[in-house]
Amino acid sequence: MEIPALFEHLRRFDTPTIVNALEIAGAGRAITGFTRHTLIAAFPALPPIVGYARTSAIRCSAPFDPAVRRQMQTGYYDYLAQGKQPTVAVVQDVDSLPGVGAFWGEVNTHVHRGLGCAGAVTNGSMRDLDAMDPKFQCLAGSLCPSHAWVQVVEFGKPVDIFGMSVKDNDIVHADRHGAVVIPAAFLEKIPAAIDLMARKEKVILDAAKKPGFNAALMREALAASDLVK
């Protein structure tokens, strides 16, 4: 399956399904590789986003030199627009208290979507919920009414969002549950892993929905599920 078609296919499934499929595909169970803190979804009903990570770091708590801020801002937008698309903006707020100022709001959601970005994941904050681009999914650590002294201080370098380490061009899948990095080695194995997982779970779910379901039938269903290949 070509990458664009594969990304479109993966958008049909929520992020917990992708995490489970990664386990089946060979990545195994882990406590890293995904966000480990509740994120607020700007638009919970939107489908999942999938894309190549564009990483950056921001700071909001200290005044900036306007010329330096503009140079970093335009450099960041150039970086965002280059390379393969769609992209996912992964933005780490490096302040000691993340979220003092909102990077995400009406302007940046529209600008990012216009530059081929499907959505954003950040430990920082967002605002302008009623004015954001309604097709741009933003997952943020908090809400804030101000942008304070928000400025991009770095881009293209590794970042960490609530325990999820992300590098430039990593493949990220995200929805209202959070986000996960899909290692390139497992990407093409994900569809088959999802199919296998669904068939295994169907055995258990079908049994659980039958009248008279009990612990003994659950043991039988588990054994039957284990035989599904």
C-alpha atoms as a PDB file:
ATOM      1  CA  MET A   1       0.000   0.000   0.000  1.00  0.00           C
ATOM      2  CA  GLU A   2       1.387   3.417  -0.961  1.00  0.00           C
ATOM      3  CA  ILE A   3       2.059   5.816   1.915  1.00  0.00           C
ATOM      4  CA  PRO A   4      -0.778   8.281   1.134  1.00  0.00           C
ATOM      5  CA  ALA A   5      -3.283   5.420   0.950  1.00  0.00           C
ATOM      6  CA  LEU A   6      -1.806   3.878   4.085  1.00  0.00           C
ATOM      7  CA  PHE A   7      -2.157   7.136   6.019  1.00  0.00           C
ATOM      8  CA  GLU A   8      -5.755   7.471   4.848  1.00  0.00           C
ATOM      9  CA  HIS A   9      -6.422   3.891   5.947  1.00  0.00           C
ATOM     10  CA  LEU A  10      -4.959   4.527   9.409  1.00  0.00           C
ATOM     11  CA  ARG A  11      -7.198   7.574   9.864  1.00  0.00           C
ATOM     12  CA  ARG A  12     -10.124   5.150  10.030  1.00  0.00           C
ATOM     13  CA  PHE A  13      -8.915   3.829  13.380  1.00  0.00           C
ATOM     14  CA  ASP A  14      -8.563   5.506  16.753  1.00  0.00           C
ATOM     15  CA  THR A  15      -5.184   5.900  18.394  1.00  0.00           C
ATOM     16  CA  PRO A  16      -5.730   3.143  21.013  1.00  0.00           C
ATOM     17  CA  THR A  17      -6.269   0.730  18.110  1.00  0.00           C
ATOM     18  CA  ILE A  18      -2.972   1.842  16.563  1.00  0.00           C
ATOM     19  CA  VAL A  19      -1.163   1.307  19.870  1.00  0.00           C
ATOM     20  CA  ASN A  20      -2.607  -2.221  20.150  1.00  0.00           C
ATOM     21  CA  ALA A  21      -1.740  -2.956  16.532  1.00  0.00           C
ATOM     22  CA  LEU A  22       1.857  -1.905  17.116  1.00  0.00           C
ATOM     23  CA  GLU A  23       2.084  -4.500  19.871  1.00  0.00           C
ATOM     24  CA  ILE A  24       0.854  -7.214  17.502  1.00  0.00           C
ATOM     25  CA  ALA A  25       3.086  -5.980  14.665  1.00  0.00           C
ATOM     26  CA  GLY A  26       6.134  -6.661  16.801  1.00  0.00           C
ATOM     27  CA  ALA A  27       6.781  -3.558  18.851  1.00  0.00           C
ATOM     28  CA  GLY A  28       5.464  -5.265  21.994  1.00  0.00           C
ATOM     29  CA  ARG A  29       3.939  -3.613  25.023  1.00  0.00           C
ATOM     30  CA  ALA A  30       5.692  -0.511  26.323  1.00  0.00           C
ATOM     31  CA  ILE A  31       5.306   2.524  28.556  1.00  0.00           C
ATOM     32  CA  THR A  32       6.929   4.904  26.076  1.00  0.00           C
ATOM     33  CA  GLY A  33       6.239   6.061  22.543  1.00  0.00           C
ATOM     34  CA  PHE A  34       2.875   7.632  23.348  1.00  0.00           C
ATOM     35  CA  THR A  35       1.557  10.566  25.381  1.00  0.00           C
ATOM     36  CA  ARG A  36       1.051   9.745  29.048  1.00  0.00           C
ATOM     37  CA  HIS A  37      -1.019  12.718  30.148  1.00  0.00           C
ATOM     38  CA  THR A  38      -4.575  13.784  29.368  1.00  0.00           C
ATOM     39  CA  LEU A  39      -4.749  16.106  26.381  1.00  0.00           C
ATOM     40  CA  ILE A  40      -7.649  18.405  25.506  1.00  0.00           C
ATOM     41  CA  ALA A  41      -8.971  17.954  21.972  1.00  0.00           C
ATOM     42  CA  ALA A  42     -10.162  21.152  20.318  1.00  0.00           C
ATOM     43  CA  PHE A  43     -12.569  19.100  18.189  1.00  0.00           C
ATOM     44  CA  PRO A  44     -13.192  15.672  19.791  1.00  0.00           C
ATOM     45  CA  ALA A  45     -15.437  14.522  16.928  1.00  0.00           C
ATOM     46  CA  LEU A  46     -12.779  14.963  14.228  1.00  0.00           C
ATOM     47  CA  PRO A  47     -11.230  11.775  12.819  1.00  0.00           C
ATOM     48  CA  PRO A  48      -7.669  10.870  13.808  1.00  0.00           C
ATOM     49  CA  ILE A  49      -4.737  12.687  12.258  1.00  0.00           C
ATOM     50  CA  VAL A  50      -1.688  10.988  10.747  1.00  0.00           C
ATOM     51  CA  GLY A  51       1.395  12.678   9.390  1.00  0.00           C
ATOM     52  CA  TYR A  52       5.096  13.391   9.473  1.00  0.00           C
ATOM     53  CA  ALA A  53       6.244  15.211  12.596  1.00  0.00           C
ATOM     54  CA  ARG A  54       7.422  18.797  12.380  1.00  0.00           C
ATOM     55  CA  THR A  55       8.960  19.494  15.773  1.00  0.00           C
ATOM     56  CA  SER A  56       9.489  22.776  17.557  1.00  0.00           C
ATOM     57  CA  ALA A  57       9.995  24.281  20.992  1.00  0.00           C
ATOM     58  CA  ILE A  58       8.290  27.423  22.277  1.00  0.00           C
ATOM     59  CA  ARG A  59       8.651  29.687  25.293  1.00  0.00           C
ATOM     60  CA  CYS A  60       6.010  32.064  26.607  1.00  0.00           C
ATOM     61  CA  SER A  61       7.176  33.463  29.951  1.00  0.00           C
ATOM     62  CA  ALA A  62       9.881  35.970  28.928  1.00  0.00           C
ATOM     63  CA  PRO A  63       9.903  39.049  26.662  1.00  0.00           C
ATOM     64  CA  PHE A  64      11.443  38.682  23.225  1.00  0.00           C
ATOM     65  CA  ASP A  65      13.407  40.708  20.732  1.00  0.00           C
ATOM     66  CA  PRO A  66      10.853  41.384  17.930  1.00  0.00           C
ATOM     67  CA  ALA A  67      13.413  40.916  15.162  1.00  0.00           C
ATOM     68  CA  VAL A  68      14.634  37.601  16.544  1.00  0.00           C
ATOM     69  CA  ARG A  69      11.077  36.417  17.112  1.00  0.00           C
ATOM     70  CA  ARG A  70      10.106  37.216  13.519  1.00  0.00           C
ATOM     71  CA  GLN A  71      13.202  35.470  12.167  1.00  0.00           C
ATOM     72  CA  MET A  72      12.389  32.322  14.144  1.00  0.00           C
ATOM     73  CA  GLN A  73       8.710  32.537  13.201  1.00  0.00           C
ATOM     74  CA  THR A  74       9.341  32.718   9.457  1.00  0.00           C
ATOM     75  CA  GLY A  75      12.062  30.087   9.661  1.00  0.00           C
ATOM     76  CA  TYR A  76       9.655  27.785  11.447  1.00  0.00           C
ATOM     77  CA  TYR A  77       6.955  28.262   8.803  1.00  0.00           C
ATOM     78  CA  ASP A  78       9.482  27.523   6.058  1.00  0.00           C
ATOM     79  CA  TYR A  79      10.459  24.349   7.898  1.00  0.00           C
ATOM     80  CA  LEU A  80       6.825  23.356   8.406  1.00  0.00           C
ATOM     81  CA  ALA A  81       6.040  23.652   4.703  1.00  0.00           C
ATOM     82  CA  GLN A  82       8.985  21.624   3.417  1.00  0.00           C
ATOM     83  CA  GLY A  83       9.213  17.885   2.823  1.00  0.00           C
ATOM     84  CA  LYS A  84       6.554  15.223   2.767  1.00  0.00           C
ATOM     85  CA  GLN A  85       2.965  15.932   3.731  1.00  0.00           C
ATOM     86  CA  PRO A  86       0.652  15.717   5.545  1.00  0.00           C
ATOM     87  CA  THR A  87       2.468  16.887   8.636  1.00  0.00           C
ATOM     88  CA  VAL A  88       1.647  16.985  12.339  1.00  0.00           C
ATOM     89  CA  ALA A  89       3.048  19.875  14.362  1.00  0.00           C
ATOM     90  CA  VAL A  90       4.570  18.584  17.593  1.00  0.00           C
ATOM     91  CA  VAL A  91       5.313  21.544  19.843  1.00  0.00           C
ATOM     92  CA  GLN A  92       7.003  21.368  23.229  1.00  0.00           C
ATOM     93  CA  ASP A  93       6.455  24.286  25.593  1.00  0.00           C
ATOM     94  CA  VAL A  94       9.793  24.433  27.430  1.00  0.00           C
ATOM     95  CA  ASP A  95       8.737  26.909  30.123  1.00  0.00           C
ATOM     96  CA  SER A  96       8.960  25.664  33.702  1.00  0.00           C
ATOM     97  CA  LEU A  97       5.185  26.089  33.791  1.00  0.00           C
ATOM     98  CA  PRO A  98       3.972  25.085  30.300  1.00  0.00           C
ATOM     99  CA  GLY A  99       0.862  26.801  28.995  1.00  0.00           C
ATOM    100  CA  VAL A 100       1.427  30.330  30.328  1.00  0.00           C
ATOM    101  CA  GLY A 101       0.775  31.527  26.786  1.00  0.00           C
ATOM    102  CA  ALA A 102      -1.126  29.863  23.949  1.00  0.00           C
ATOM    103  CA  PHE A 103       0.692  29.178  20.670  1.00  0.00           C
ATOM    104  CA  TRP A 104      -2.455  27.627  19.206  1.00  0.00           C
ATOM    105  CA  GLY A 105      -5.527  29.664  18.354  1.00  0.00           C
ATOM    106  CA  GLU A 106      -7.403  31.145  15.415  1.00  0.00           C
ATOM    107  CA  VAL A 107      -4.387  32.334  13.425  1.00  0.00           C
ATOM    108  CA  ASN A 108      -1.958  29.452  13.850  1.00  0.00           C
ATOM    109  CA  THR A 109      -4.516  26.711  13.182  1.00  0.00           C
ATOM    110  CA  HIS A 110      -5.505  28.327   9.889  1.00  0.00           C
ATOM    111  CA  VAL A 111      -1.880  29.039   8.912  1.00  0.00           C
ATOM    112  CA  HIS A 112      -0.725  25.511   9.737  1.00  0.00           C
ATOM    113  CA  ARG A 113      -3.569  23.840   7.867  1.00  0.00           C
ATOM    114  CA  GLY A 114      -2.871  26.086   4.888  1.00  0.00           C
ATOM    115  CA  LEU A 115       0.735  24.846   4.918  1.00  0.00           C
ATOM    116  CA  GLY A 116      -0.307  21.179   4.757  1.00  0.00           C
ATOM    117  CA  CYS A 117      -0.456  20.392   8.471  1.00  0.00           C
ATOM    118  CA  ALA A 118      -3.218  18.049   9.644  1.00  0.00           C
ATOM    119  CA  GLY A 119      -3.089  18.948  13.324  1.00  0.00           C
ATOM    120  CA  ALA A 120      -0.976  19.571  16.396  1.00  0.00           C
ATOM    121  CA  VAL A 121       0.109  17.912  19.607  1.00  0.00           C
ATOM    122  CA  THR A 122       1.499  20.050  22.430  1.00  0.00           C
ATOM    123  CA  ASN A 123       2.094  20.077  26.159  1.00  0.00           C
ATOM    124  CA  GLY A 124       1.346  23.797  25.997  1.00  0.00           C
ATOM    125  CA  SER A 125      -1.978  25.591  25.739  1.00  0.00           C
ATOM    126  CA  MET A 126      -4.536  26.679  23.152  1.00  0.00           C
ATOM    127  CA  ARG A 127      -7.275  29.320  22.941  1.00  0.00           C
ATOM    128  CA  ASP A 128      -9.875  30.711  20.488  1.00  0.00           C
ATOM    129  CA  LEU A 129     -11.752  27.401  20.480  1.00  0.00           C
ATOM    130  CA  ASP A 130     -14.708  28.898  18.596  1.00  0.00           C
ATOM    131  CA  ALA A 131     -12.481  30.543  15.981  1.00  0.00           C
ATOM    132  CA  MET A 132      -9.959  27.773  15.280  1.00  0.00           C
ATOM    133  CA  ASP A 133      -9.917  26.090  11.878  1.00  0.00           C
ATOM    134  CA  PRO A 134     -12.641  23.465  12.443  1.00  0.00           C
ATOM    135  CA  LYS A 135     -10.796  20.862  10.352  1.00  0.00           C
ATOM    136  CA  PHE A 136      -7.527  21.231  12.269  1.00  0.00           C
ATOM    137  CA  GLN A 137      -7.241  18.975  15.290  1.00  0.00           C
ATOM    138  CA  CYS A 138      -5.294  20.483  18.164  1.00  0.00           C
ATOM    139  CA  LEU A 139      -4.439  18.384  21.201  1.00  0.00           C
ATOM    140  CA  ALA A 140      -3.145  20.558  24.017  1.00  0.00           C
ATOM    141  CA  GLY A 141      -2.179  20.208  27.644  1.00  0.00           C
ATOM    142  CA  SER A 142      -4.317  23.143  28.785  1.00  0.00           C
ATOM    143  CA  LEU A 143      -6.432  26.151  27.860  1.00  0.00           C
ATOM    144  CA  CYS A 144      -5.265  29.747  28.292  1.00  0.00           C
ATOM    145  CA  PRO A 145      -6.831  33.095  27.289  1.00  0.00           C
ATOM    146  CA  SER A 146      -3.492  34.823  26.570  1.00  0.00           C
ATOM    147  CA  HIS A 147      -0.617  34.309  24.151  1.00  0.00           C
ATOM    148  CA  ALA A 148       1.725  36.009  26.659  1.00  0.00           C
ATOM    149  CA  TRP A 149       5.263  36.229  25.171  1.00  0.00           C
ATOM    150  CA  VAL A 150       4.900  33.156  22.980  1.00  0.00           C
ATOM    151  CA  GLN A 151       7.798  32.603  20.602  1.00  0.00           C
ATOM    152  CA  VAL A 152       9.410  29.736  18.714  1.00  0.00           C
ATOM    153  CA  VAL A 153      12.882  29.149  20.145  1.00  0.00           C
ATOM    154  CA  GLU A 154      13.898  26.043  18.188  1.00  0.00           C
ATOM    155  CA  PHE A 155      12.604  23.773  15.437  1.00  0.00           C
ATOM    156  CA  GLY A 156      13.587  20.529  13.780  1.00  0.00           C
ATOM    157  CA  LYS A 157      15.072  19.114  17.002  1.00  0.00           C
ATOM    158  CA  PRO A 158      13.771  16.213  19.138  1.00  0.00           C
ATOM    159  CA  VAL A 159      10.997  17.107  21.570  1.00  0.00           C
ATOM    160  CA  ASP A 160       9.109  15.378  24.369  1.00  0.00           C
ATOM    161  CA  ILE A 161       5.354  15.681  24.809  1.00  0.00           C
ATOM    162  CA  PHE A 162       4.214  14.090  28.053  1.00  0.00           C
ATOM    163  CA  GLY A 163       6.592  11.152  27.716  1.00  0.00           C
ATOM    164  CA  MET A 164       6.314  10.785  23.936  1.00  0.00           C
ATOM    165  CA  SER A 165       9.701  11.463  22.350  1.00  0.00           C
ATOM    166  CA  VAL A 166       9.409  12.731  18.773  1.00  0.00           C
ATOM    167  CA  LYS A 167      11.992  13.489  16.105  1.00  0.00           C
ATOM    168  CA  ASP A 168      11.592  15.399  12.871  1.00  0.00           C
ATOM    169  CA  ASN A 169       9.778  13.286  10.263  1.00  0.00           C
ATOM    170  CA  ASP A 170       8.596  10.620  12.728  1.00  0.00           C
ATOM    171  CA  ILE A 171       5.127   9.338  11.850  1.00  0.00           C
ATOM    172  CA  VAL A 172       2.542  10.433  14.412  1.00  0.00           C
ATOM    173  CA  HIS A 173      -1.034   9.203  14.851  1.00  0.00           C
ATOM    174  CA  ALA A 174      -3.282  11.177  17.194  1.00  0.00           C
ATOM    175  CA  ASP A 175      -6.880  11.684  18.250  1.00  0.00           C
ATOM    176  CA  ARG A 176      -8.826  12.720  21.360  1.00  0.00           C
ATOM    177  CA  HIS A 177      -7.172   9.887  23.326  1.00  0.00           C
ATOM    178  CA  GLY A 178      -3.638  11.198  22.760  1.00  0.00           C
ATOM    179  CA  ALA A 179      -0.810  10.502  20.330  1.00  0.00           C
ATOM    180  CA  VAL A 180       1.623   7.740  19.405  1.00  0.00           C
ATOM    181  CA  VAL A 181       4.735   7.545  17.248  1.00  0.00           C
ATOM    182  CA  ILE A 182       4.589   4.769  14.649  1.00  0.00           C
ATOM    183  CA  PRO A 183       8.118   3.440  14.057  1.00  0.00           C
ATOM    184  CA  ALA A 184       8.807   3.244  10.325  1.00  0.00           C
ATOM    185  CA  ALA A 185       9.768  -0.438  10.619  1.00  0.00           C
ATOM    186  CA  PHE A 186       6.227  -1.324  11.675  1.00  0.00           C
ATOM    187  CA  LEU A 187       4.199   1.061   9.525  1.00  0.00           C
ATOM    188  CA  GLU A 188       3.334  -1.341   6.696  1.00  0.00           C
ATOM    189  CA  LYS A 189       2.493  -4.097   9.195  1.00  0.00           C
ATOM    190  CA  ILE A 190      -0.188  -2.071  10.945  1.00  0.00           C
ATOM    191  CA  PRO A 191      -3.176  -2.858   8.642  1.00  0.00           C
ATOM    192  CA  ALA A 192      -2.694  -6.622   8.949  1.00  0.00           C
ATOM    193  CA  ALA A 193      -2.179  -6.282  12.694  1.00  0.00           C
ATOM    194  CA  ILE A 194      -5.429  -4.316  13.023  1.00  0.00           C
ATOM    195  CA  ASP A 195      -7.270  -7.000  11.069  1.00  0.00           C
ATOM    196  CA  LEU A 196      -5.865  -9.786  13.246  1.00  0.00           C
ATOM    197  CA  MET A 197      -6.672  -7.898  16.432  1.00  0.00           C
ATOM    198  CA  ALA A 198     -10.250  -7.273  15.286  1.00  0.00           C
ATOM    199  CA  ARG A 199     -10.790 -10.949  14.511  1.00  0.00           C
ATOM    200  CA  LYS A 200      -9.384 -12.007  17.873  1.00  0.00           C
ATOM    201  CA  GLU A 201     -11.503  -9.486  19.762  1.00  0.00           C
ATOM    202  CA  LYS A 202     -14.643 -10.442  17.835  1.00  0.00           C
ATOM    203  CA  VAL A 203     -14.537 -13.944  19.307  1.00  0.00           C
ATOM    204  CA  ILE A 204     -14.565 -12.510  22.826  1.00  0.00           C
ATOM    205  CA  LEU A 205     -17.094  -9.755  22.124  1.00  0.00           C
ATOM    206  CA  ASP A 206     -19.529 -12.128  20.421  1.00  0.00           C
ATOM    207  CA  ALA A 207     -19.360 -14.456  23.409  1.00  0.00           C
ATOM    208  CA  ALA A 208     -19.836 -11.620  25.904  1.00  0.00           C
ATOM    209  CA  LYS A 209     -23.017 -10.472  24.154  1.00  0.00           C
ATOM    210  CA  LYS A 210     -24.724 -13.872  24.240  1.00  0.00           C
ATOM    211  CA  PRO A 211     -27.384 -14.659  26.863  1.00  0.00           C
ATOM    212  CA  GLY A 212     -26.025 -16.746  29.704  1.00  0.00           C
ATOM    213  CA  PHE A 213     -22.466 -15.532  29.333  1.00  0.00           C
ATOM    214  CA  ASN A 214     -20.386 -16.512  32.346  1.00  0.00           C
ATOM    215  CA  ALA A 215     -16.798 -16.997  33.483  1.00  0.00           C
ATOM    216  CA  ALA A 216     -16.595 -20.499  31.994  1.00  0.00           C
ATOM    217  CA  LEU A 217     -17.691 -19.212  28.582  1.00  0.00           C
ATOM    218  CA  MET A 218     -15.191 -16.407  28.940  1.00  0.00           C
ATOM    219  CA  ARG A 219     -12.391 -18.942  29.383  1.00  0.00           C
ATOM    220  CA  GLU A 220     -13.577 -20.741  26.250  1.00  0.00           C
ATOM    221  CA  ALA A 221     -13.687 -17.490  24.307  1.00  0.00           C
ATOM    222  CA  LEU A 222     -10.171 -16.581  25.394  1.00  0.00           C
ATOM    223  CA  ALA A 223      -8.874 -19.978  24.275  1.00  0.00           C
ATOM    224  CA  ALA A 224     -10.673 -19.660  20.930  1.00  0.00           C
ATOM    225  CA  SER A 225      -9.319 -16.132  20.464  1.00  0.00           C
ATOM    226  CA  ASP A 226      -5.777 -17.392  21.018  1.00  0.00           C
ATOM    227  CA  LEU A 227      -6.224 -19.766  18.058  1.00  0.00           C
ATOM    228  CA  VAL A 228      -7.151 -17.018  15.598  1.00  0.00           C
ATOM    229  CA  LYS A 229      -4.291 -16.428  13.185  1.00  0.00           C
END
